[in-house]
């Protein structure tokens, strides 16, 4: 069970990081994918998404490393 959580959190951290980079590279992907313009073209929604995804990615990666350390400590 712990290994599944480890792998799931790692995958989510990687996905969040990729989406953050994608949002930085392609600013209008929200408009293209969902067909809405939540910030009326100002870019504020995209900036908020980049910040949120970055924070999620960092938090998940930190937990992955914590789980990894715990696993190694138990094995030793």
N, C-alpha and C. Protein backbone atom coordinates (compact mmCIF):
# COMPACT_ATOMS: atom_id res chain seq x y z
N UNK A 1 0.82 -1.20 0.00
CA UNK A 1 0.00 0.00 0.00
C UNK A 1 0.86 1.27 0.00
N UNK A 2 1.93 1.26 0.79
CA UNK A 2 2.81 2.44 0.85
C UNK A 2 3.51 2.66 -0.49
N UNK A 3 3.87 1.56 -1.15
CA UNK A 3 4.53 1.70 -2.45
C UNK A 3 3.57 2.29 -3.49
N UNK A 4 2.31 1.90 -3.43
CA UNK A 4 1.32 2.44 -4.36
C UNK A 4 1.15 3.94 -4.11
N UNK A 5 1.10 4.35 -2.84
CA UNK A 5 0.97 5.77 -2.51
C UNK A 5 2.19 6.53 -3.01
N UNK A 6 3.36 5.95 -2.81
CA UNK A 6 4.61 6.56 -3.27
C UNK A 6 4.57 6.79 -4.77
N UNK A 7 4.20 5.76 -5.51
CA UNK A 7 4.17 5.87 -6.97
C UNK A 7 3.10 6.86 -7.44
N UNK A 8 1.94 6.85 -6.79
CA UNK A 8 0.85 7.76 -7.16
C UNK A 8 1.25 9.21 -6.90
N UNK A 9 1.84 9.48 -5.75
CA UNK A 9 2.28 10.84 -5.44
C UNK A 9 3.40 11.30 -6.36
N UNK A 10 4.30 10.40 -6.69
CA UNK A 10 5.37 10.74 -7.62
C UNK A 10 4.80 11.08 -9.00
N UNK A 11 3.86 10.29 -9.47
CA UNK A 11 3.23 10.54 -10.77
C UNK A 11 2.48 11.87 -10.76
N UNK A 12 1.77 12.15 -9.68
CA UNK A 12 1.03 13.41 -9.59
C UNK A 12 1.98 14.62 -9.51
N UNK A 13 3.10 14.47 -8.81
CA UNK A 13 4.08 15.56 -8.73
C UNK A 13 4.66 15.84 -10.11
N UNK A 14 4.98 14.80 -10.85
CA UNK A 14 5.52 14.97 -12.20
C UNK A 14 4.48 15.60 -13.12
N UNK A 15 3.23 15.13 -13.04
CA UNK A 15 2.16 15.67 -13.88
C UNK A 15 1.92 17.14 -13.56
N UNK A 16 1.91 17.51 -12.29
CA UNK A 16 1.70 18.91 -11.91
C UNK A 16 2.84 19.78 -12.42
N UNK A 17 4.06 19.27 -12.34
CA UNK A 17 5.21 20.03 -12.87
C UNK A 17 5.13 20.23 -14.37
N UNK A 18 4.75 19.18 -15.07
CA UNK A 18 4.60 19.27 -16.53
C UNK A 18 3.51 20.25 -16.91
N UNK A 19 2.37 20.21 -16.20
CA UNK A 19 1.28 21.14 -16.49
C UNK A 19 1.68 22.58 -16.18
N UNK A 20 2.49 22.80 -15.14
CA UNK A 20 2.96 24.15 -14.84
C UNK A 20 3.84 24.67 -15.97
N UNK A 21 4.74 23.83 -16.46
CA UNK A 21 5.61 24.24 -17.57
C UNK A 21 4.78 24.46 -18.84
N UNK A 22 3.82 23.59 -19.08
CA UNK A 22 2.94 23.74 -20.24
C UNK A 22 2.18 25.07 -20.17
N UNK A 23 1.71 25.42 -18.99
CA UNK A 23 0.98 26.67 -18.83
C UNK A 23 1.89 27.86 -19.06
N UNK A 24 3.15 27.77 -18.65
CA UNK A 24 4.09 28.85 -18.92
C UNK A 24 4.37 28.98 -20.41
N UNK A 25 4.45 27.84 -21.10
CA UNK A 25 4.80 27.85 -22.53
C UNK A 25 3.61 28.22 -23.41
N UNK A 26 2.43 27.69 -23.09
CA UNK A 26 1.23 27.92 -23.90
C UNK A 26 0.18 28.58 -23.00
N UNK A 27 0.17 29.91 -23.01
CA UNK A 27 -0.66 30.65 -22.07
C UNK A 27 -2.16 30.45 -22.26
N UNK A 28 -2.60 30.20 -23.47
CA UNK A 28 -4.04 30.15 -23.72
C UNK A 28 -4.60 28.73 -23.84
N UNK A 29 -3.95 27.75 -23.20
CA UNK A 29 -4.45 26.38 -23.32
C UNK A 29 -5.81 26.21 -22.67
N UNK A 30 -6.10 27.00 -21.64
CA UNK A 30 -7.42 26.90 -20.99
C UNK A 30 -8.51 27.30 -21.97
N UNK A 31 -8.28 28.39 -22.68
CA UNK A 31 -9.26 28.84 -23.66
C UNK A 31 -9.45 27.82 -24.77
N UNK A 32 -8.35 27.21 -25.20
CA UNK A 32 -8.41 26.23 -26.30
C UNK A 32 -9.11 24.96 -25.85
N UNK A 33 -8.73 24.43 -24.69
CA UNK A 33 -9.28 23.14 -24.23
C UNK A 33 -10.72 23.27 -23.77
N UNK A 34 -11.01 24.28 -22.94
CA UNK A 34 -12.33 24.39 -22.33
C UNK A 34 -13.27 25.36 -23.03
N UNK A 35 -12.76 26.18 -23.91
CA UNK A 35 -13.60 27.10 -24.66
C UNK A 35 -14.12 28.26 -23.82
N UNK A 36 -13.45 28.58 -22.72
CA UNK A 36 -13.84 29.72 -21.88
C UNK A 36 -12.63 30.62 -21.67
N UNK A 37 -12.90 31.87 -21.33
CA UNK A 37 -11.83 32.82 -21.04
C UNK A 37 -12.07 33.38 -19.65
N UNK A 38 -11.58 32.70 -18.61
CA UNK A 38 -11.92 33.07 -17.24
C UNK A 38 -11.37 34.42 -16.78
N UNK A 39 -10.32 34.91 -17.41
CA UNK A 39 -9.70 36.16 -16.97
C UNK A 39 -9.80 37.27 -18.01
N UNK A 40 -10.62 37.08 -19.01
CA UNK A 40 -10.84 38.07 -20.06
C UNK A 40 -9.54 38.50 -20.74
N UNK A 41 -8.61 37.56 -20.90
CA UNK A 41 -7.39 37.82 -21.63
C UNK A 41 -6.27 38.45 -20.83
N UNK A 42 -6.43 38.65 -19.52
CA UNK A 42 -5.38 39.31 -18.74
C UNK A 42 -4.22 38.39 -18.38
N UNK A 43 -4.45 37.09 -18.38
CA UNK A 43 -3.39 36.15 -18.03
C UNK A 43 -3.31 35.84 -16.55
N UNK A 44 -4.20 36.43 -15.76
CA UNK A 44 -4.18 36.22 -14.31
C UNK A 44 -4.53 34.77 -13.96
N UNK A 45 -5.48 34.18 -14.65
CA UNK A 45 -5.86 32.79 -14.37
C UNK A 45 -4.68 31.85 -14.65
N UNK A 46 -3.99 32.09 -15.74
CA UNK A 46 -2.84 31.25 -16.07
C UNK A 46 -1.74 31.38 -15.03
N UNK A 47 -1.49 32.61 -14.57
CA UNK A 47 -0.46 32.82 -13.55
C UNK A 47 -0.85 32.12 -12.25
N UNK A 48 -2.11 32.20 -11.88
CA UNK A 48 -2.58 31.52 -10.67
C UNK A 48 -2.45 30.01 -10.80
N UNK A 49 -2.73 29.49 -11.98
CA UNK A 49 -2.62 28.05 -12.22
C UNK A 49 -1.16 27.61 -12.13
N UNK A 50 -0.25 28.39 -12.68
CA UNK A 50 1.18 28.05 -12.61
C UNK A 50 1.63 28.00 -11.15
N UNK A 51 1.26 28.99 -10.37
CA UNK A 51 1.65 29.03 -8.96
C UNK A 51 1.06 27.85 -8.21
N UNK A 52 -0.23 27.58 -8.43
CA UNK A 52 -0.89 26.47 -7.74
C UNK A 52 -0.27 25.13 -8.11
N UNK A 53 -0.03 24.92 -9.40
CA UNK A 53 0.58 23.66 -9.83
C UNK A 53 2.00 23.51 -9.31
N UNK A 54 2.74 24.59 -9.25
CA UNK A 54 4.09 24.53 -8.70
C UNK A 54 4.05 24.15 -7.22
N UNK A 55 3.13 24.76 -6.46
CA UNK A 55 3.02 24.43 -5.04
C UNK A 55 2.59 22.99 -4.83
N UNK A 56 1.67 22.51 -5.64
CA UNK A 56 1.23 21.11 -5.54
C UNK A 56 2.40 20.18 -5.87
N UNK A 57 3.14 20.50 -6.90
CA UNK A 57 4.27 19.67 -7.30
C UNK A 57 5.33 19.61 -6.20
N UNK A 58 5.64 20.74 -5.60
CA UNK A 58 6.64 20.77 -4.53
C UNK A 58 6.15 20.00 -3.31
N UNK A 59 4.89 20.18 -2.94
CA UNK A 59 4.35 19.49 -1.77
C UNK A 59 4.35 17.97 -1.97
N UNK A 60 3.92 17.54 -3.14
CA UNK A 60 3.90 16.10 -3.42
C UNK A 60 5.31 15.52 -3.48
N UNK A 61 6.21 16.24 -4.10
CA UNK A 61 7.60 15.76 -4.18
C UNK A 61 8.22 15.67 -2.79
N UNK A 62 7.93 16.63 -1.93
CA UNK A 62 8.46 16.58 -0.56
C UNK A 62 7.92 15.36 0.18
N UNK A 63 6.64 15.07 -0.01
CA UNK A 63 6.06 13.90 0.65
C UNK A 63 6.63 12.60 0.09
N UNK A 64 6.90 12.58 -1.21
CA UNK A 64 7.51 11.40 -1.82
C UNK A 64 8.89 11.14 -1.20
N UNK A 65 9.68 12.19 -1.05
CA UNK A 65 11.00 12.02 -0.45
C UNK A 65 10.91 11.61 1.02
N UNK A 66 9.90 12.14 1.72
CA UNK A 66 9.69 11.75 3.11
C UNK A 66 9.34 10.28 3.21
N UNK A 67 8.44 9.82 2.34
CA UNK A 67 8.07 8.41 2.33
C UNK A 67 9.26 7.53 1.98
N UNK A 68 10.09 7.99 1.07
CA UNK A 68 11.26 7.23 0.66
C UNK A 68 12.24 7.08 1.83
N UNK A 69 12.45 8.19 2.56
CA UNK A 69 13.33 8.16 3.73
C UNK A 69 12.81 7.21 4.79
N UNK A 70 11.49 7.24 5.03
CA UNK A 70 10.89 6.35 6.02
C UNK A 70 11.06 4.88 5.63
N UNK A 71 10.86 4.62 4.34
CA UNK A 71 11.01 3.25 3.85
C UNK A 71 12.44 2.74 4.02
N UNK A 72 13.40 3.59 3.73
CA UNK A 72 14.80 3.20 3.87
C UNK A 72 15.17 3.00 5.34
N UNK A 73 14.62 3.83 6.22
CA UNK A 73 14.91 3.71 7.66
C UNK A 73 14.34 2.41 8.21
N UNK A 74 13.18 2.02 7.73
CA UNK A 74 12.57 0.76 8.20
C UNK A 74 13.33 -0.45 7.68
N UNK A 75 13.90 -0.32 6.50
CA UNK A 75 14.63 -1.45 5.90
C UNK A 75 15.99 -1.65 6.57
N UNK A 76 16.53 -0.59 7.12
CA UNK A 76 17.88 -0.68 7.72
C UNK A 76 17.85 -1.30 9.11
